[in-house]
Protein backbone atom coordinates (compact mmCIF):
# COMPACT_ATOMS: atom_id res chain seq x y z
CA MET A 1 37.69 -9.13 1.18
CA LYS A 2 33.96 -8.99 2.00
CA ASN A 3 31.85 -6.92 -0.28
CA PRO A 4 30.13 -4.15 1.06
CA GLN A 5 26.25 -4.24 0.80
CA ARG A 6 24.77 -1.80 -1.30
CA GLU A 7 21.98 0.68 -0.36
CA HIS A 8 18.97 1.22 -2.94
CA LEU A 9 16.55 4.40 -2.30
CA TYR A 10 13.26 3.71 -3.49
CA LYS A 11 10.53 5.94 -4.11
CA ILE A 12 7.20 4.47 -2.99
CA LEU A 13 3.82 5.43 -2.61
CA VAL A 14 0.98 5.16 0.02
CA ILE A 15 -2.19 5.84 -1.16
CA GLY A 16 -5.93 5.42 -0.58
CA GLU A 17 -9.04 6.94 0.85
CA LEU A 18 -8.81 9.21 3.75
CA GLY A 19 -8.43 7.72 7.24
CA THR A 20 -7.44 4.78 6.00
CA GLY A 21 -4.25 4.42 8.24
CA LYS A 22 -1.59 5.55 5.49
CA THR A 23 0.42 8.04 7.63
CA SER A 24 0.01 5.59 10.86
CA ILE A 25 1.79 2.66 8.39
CA ILE A 26 4.21 5.02 7.38
CA LYS A 27 5.11 5.95 11.10
CA ARG A 28 5.00 2.30 12.21
CA TYR A 29 7.53 1.47 9.58
CA VAL A 30 9.83 4.28 9.63
CA HIS A 31 9.89 4.94 13.48
CA GLN A 32 8.31 1.95 15.07
CA PHE A 33 5.59 4.26 16.38
CA PHE A 34 1.89 4.40 16.67
CA SER A 35 -0.35 7.52 17.56
CA HIS A 36 -3.59 7.49 18.98
CA HIS A 37 -4.12 11.04 18.28
CA TYR A 38 -5.78 11.02 14.76
CA ARG A 39 -5.22 13.90 12.52
CA ALA A 40 -6.63 13.92 8.59
CA THR A 41 -4.27 14.24 6.34
CA ARG A 42 -5.39 15.83 2.98
CA PHE A 43 -3.94 16.43 -0.02
CA GLY A 44 -6.82 16.38 -2.41
CA ASN A 45 -6.07 15.43 -6.07
CA MET A 46 -2.69 13.59 -6.41
CA THR A 47 -0.56 15.35 -9.28
CA ARG A 48 1.71 13.62 -11.61
CA VAL A 49 4.30 15.24 -9.74
CA TYR A 50 3.83 13.47 -6.74
CA TYR A 51 3.78 9.93 -8.27
CA LYS A 52 6.81 10.91 -10.61
CA GLU A 53 9.62 8.30 -10.29
CA ALA A 54 7.65 6.01 -8.12
CA VAL A 55 8.89 2.34 -8.38
CA GLY A 56 6.00 0.75 -6.19
CA ALA A 57 2.89 1.66 -4.50
CA PHE A 58 0.82 0.53 -1.34
CA ILE A 59 -3.13 1.16 -1.84
CA VAL A 60 -4.48 1.40 1.81
CA PHE A 61 -8.12 0.68 2.73
CA ASP A 62 -9.98 0.07 6.04
CA VAL A 63 -11.39 -3.24 6.94
CA THR A 64 -14.08 -1.65 9.02
CA ARG A 65 -15.31 0.45 6.22
CA SER A 66 -16.39 -1.37 3.08
CA GLN A 67 -16.66 1.98 0.96
CA THR A 68 -12.68 2.33 1.35
CA PHE A 69 -12.25 -1.09 -0.31
CA GLU A 70 -15.07 0.26 -3.06
CA ALA A 71 -12.67 3.17 -3.79
CA VAL A 72 -9.47 0.73 -4.25
CA ARG A 73 -10.26 0.32 -8.16
CA LYS A 74 -10.46 4.33 -8.46
CA TRP A 75 -6.80 4.55 -6.85
CA LYS A 76 -5.32 1.88 -8.79
CA ALA A 77 -6.69 3.29 -12.06
CA ASP A 78 -4.96 6.76 -11.02
CA LEU A 79 -1.84 5.07 -10.24
CA ASP A 80 -1.85 3.26 -13.30
CA SER A 81 -2.62 6.24 -15.48
CA LYS A 82 0.07 8.47 -13.63
CA VAL A 83 3.34 6.40 -13.40
CA GLN A 84 4.53 3.44 -15.06
CA LEU A 85 7.98 1.49 -15.61
CA PRO A 86 10.32 2.65 -18.43
CA GLU A 87 9.07 -0.02 -20.61
CA GLY A 88 5.24 1.22 -20.09
CA SER A 89 3.97 -1.53 -17.74
CA SER A 90 2.49 -0.94 -14.28
CA ILE A 91 4.64 -0.19 -11.21
CA PRO A 92 4.39 -2.93 -8.32
CA CYS A 93 1.40 -2.37 -6.14
CA VAL A 94 0.40 -4.16 -3.14
CA LEU A 95 -2.80 -3.86 -1.44
CA LEU A 96 -2.98 -3.30 2.29
CA ALA A 97 -6.13 -4.28 4.03
CA ASN A 98 -5.66 -2.15 7.42
CA LYS A 99 -7.12 -2.38 10.70
CA CYS A 100 -7.24 -5.70 11.09
CA ASP A 101 -7.30 -5.59 14.73
CA MET A 102 -10.62 -4.26 14.57
CA SER A 103 -13.94 -5.91 13.20
CA LYS A 104 -13.72 -6.73 9.55
CA GLU A 105 -16.67 -6.05 6.87
CA GLY A 106 -16.89 -7.54 3.20
CA ILE A 107 -14.73 -9.20 0.94
CA VAL A 108 -11.76 -9.30 3.38
CA ASN A 109 -13.36 -11.93 5.23
CA ASN A 110 -12.70 -14.18 2.12
CA PRO A 111 -8.96 -14.83 1.58
CA ALA A 112 -9.88 -16.52 -1.89
CA SER A 113 -11.99 -13.59 -3.04
CA MET A 114 -9.01 -11.38 -2.14
CA ASP A 115 -6.59 -13.34 -4.06
CA GLU A 116 -8.70 -13.28 -7.14
CA PHE A 117 -9.42 -9.41 -6.78
CA CYS A 118 -5.70 -9.01 -6.94
CA LYS A 119 -5.05 -10.99 -9.62
CA ASP A 120 -7.96 -9.13 -11.77
CA ASN A 121 -6.57 -5.66 -10.99
CA ASN A 122 -2.94 -6.56 -11.32
CA PHE A 123 -1.90 -6.01 -7.85
CA ALA A 124 1.38 -7.98 -6.68
CA GLY A 125 -0.80 -9.26 -3.58
CA TRP A 126 -2.28 -8.38 -0.66
CA PHE A 127 -1.72 -8.05 3.33
CA LEU A 128 -4.08 -7.63 6.47
CA THR A 129 -2.33 -4.96 8.24
CA SER A 130 -2.48 -2.98 11.71
CA ALA A 131 -0.35 -0.26 12.14
CA LYS A 132 -1.63 0.02 15.87
CA GLU A 133 -0.97 -3.69 16.49
CA ASN A 134 2.31 -3.93 14.20
CA VAL A 135 0.89 -6.81 12.12
CA ASN A 136 2.54 -7.56 8.79
CA ILE A 137 4.06 -4.09 8.05
CA GLU A 138 7.56 -5.38 7.84
CA ASP A 139 6.30 -8.40 5.49
CA ALA A 140 4.29 -6.25 3.07
CA ALA A 141 7.39 -3.94 2.84
CA LYS A 142 9.75 -6.58 2.09
CA PHE A 143 7.47 -8.18 -0.01
CA LEU A 144 6.87 -4.65 -1.96
CA ILE A 145 10.34 -4.19 -1.97
CA SER A 146 10.94 -8.00 -3.64
CA GLN A 147 8.67 -6.81 -6.36
CA VAL A 148 10.13 -3.88 -6.85
CA GLY A 149 14.09 -5.65 -7.00
CA ALA A 150 12.50 -8.10 -9.71
CA VAL A 151 11.30 -5.82 -12.09
């Protein structure tokens, strides 16, 4: 008799600056849908309640706006201060360089520098993504889930 496959439910956070494509990434992954009609989603300061029981996270920045990359460290520090694994280490976090279908600015044009940034800032890895063109959304999710499962 074949063993039934077990289903796992994980809470994954998607955080980052306003207008980086977080909602579009979620809609693309969950519903295979992208909308050209943008409406800002504002949550203000995220509380510990939002972060509670998360086992993984994506931090998203917009490759066309370098100031959103400059805010990545702030988001990572906020994440690390609000949620940890039971033994106290950081939850797995993947950096998403979103809107890669558009013209890129800054460090994202140098993959070796991005790799070094991720290593220095305790990211499990990074992906160029496009919610609009469905680039690397599934691959990034699979990678993060593999990191969550390895913990």
